[in-house]
Amino acid sequence: MAKARSVIGARVARVEGAEKVSGQALYAADILMPDALWGKILRSPYPHARIVNIDTSKARRVEGVRAVVTGKEEPGHYQGKSIRDIPALCWDKVRFVGDRVAAVAAETLEAAEEALGLIEVEYEELPAVFDPLKLHDDPSAYDGAPQDIMVKDIPNVVNRLTWKKGDVDQGFREADLVVEHTFRVPMRHQGYLEPQAFLVAIEEDGKILTWSSTKGPFGTRGQLAKAIGISPAQIRVHAVNVGGDFGGKSGAGDLPIAYFLARQAKRPVRIVATNSDELTFANPDHVSIITVRTGVKRDGRLVARYVRAIHGSGAYAGMKPGQASIGGAGTAGPYRIDHAYMEALQVYTNTVPCGFWRAPGALQAMFAVESHMD
């Protein structure tokens, strides 16, 4: 008689466990090519400014520099997920501290950093806005945004989501007591341990090989292809281990810039972010202002719930969900409420572009709703 087998209650070894604890696992920054150059990116020191002039002549003369690229030379390249509005390199304006302006590739990291410091950029500083509640009448944050993605009847709203159940006005009329609170949830970085890294090599036949810190190689390939104007069939994204993601690493990131540098230098180029870079340019979770209003009866029944959430999306919308996210679960939660209405808005600000952090929008909403209930 065959021995009974079951996986229920049995210990299962992690497939990648031994490789990781022994230090043999390869992450994007571990991928080395003998002829690869170091890439570094010059970022804006201003939250909003017009680029008047860029002079790279001194940077090009640094020993070991093999490529220098600016947005003036590579204009019109946008990237993003469902919305493509993030410039690979800015050519006319910068819209947050950390926006990409120029990049260099050199034989050593030290040479790349020296060259970066010699790039002279003349800016004309412009008004900047940071508070999501003060943006509707100020076009500073969304001037130049793709008009086809903007909500037509509300200024500066990049997308709007509504959800309703029953008749919320009737529900509040029936209530014996109405309670309202407003909560503000700050911006939060995902906190992964591994800074992002990118490597691009172009083969003789034009095939583009990439390695990056991404959990979604096919999505990354599609975003890169659209950003640089090349068929996805020409690109291969190599999947490597990812040292934490939590929603923060599924985009093309700096692959377009690494590609421009590699094409100019005719050598592979690797860009490795520092932890400081991560907190400057990566896509953290949205700052959110959420108002919750609930109508209750004297016997304790909840009869109406209104939720309005404003998500500060940062300077660009490319890394966030296609819609502002809360939905019915974040409005009524686990409670029986016959009448409910929710409106969620995403607005532009002159801050770092925001994106996914676990369930986008849901964590902020549940914090607000449950704090309101308490």
Foldseek 3Di string as FASTA:
>chain_A
DDDDDDPVPDDDDDPCVVCVVVVNFDALVNDDDPFAWEKDFQWDQALKWFWPDKDLVVLCPQPFWQDKFFCCRVPDQFFFFPDTDQALHDDTMHHAGGRTGMMTTGRDPVSRVVSSVPMDIDIGHDDFFFDLVPPQVPCRQPVPPPPVQADDPTRQFSFKDKDKFDAQVVLQVPFPDKDKDKDKDDWDALPFPFFKKKKWAADPVRQIEMEIQAPAQVSQLVRLCRRRVHDSVSYDYDDGDHRDDQLFHHYVPNHNVQVVNCVSSVHMYMYTDDPVSCVAATAIAWTKMKMWMWGHHPVGATAHIEMEMETAFERDDRAADSHQDAPDCLTQPPHDYRTYMYMYTYGYGSYHGHYGRNRHNHVVSNVVVVVSVD
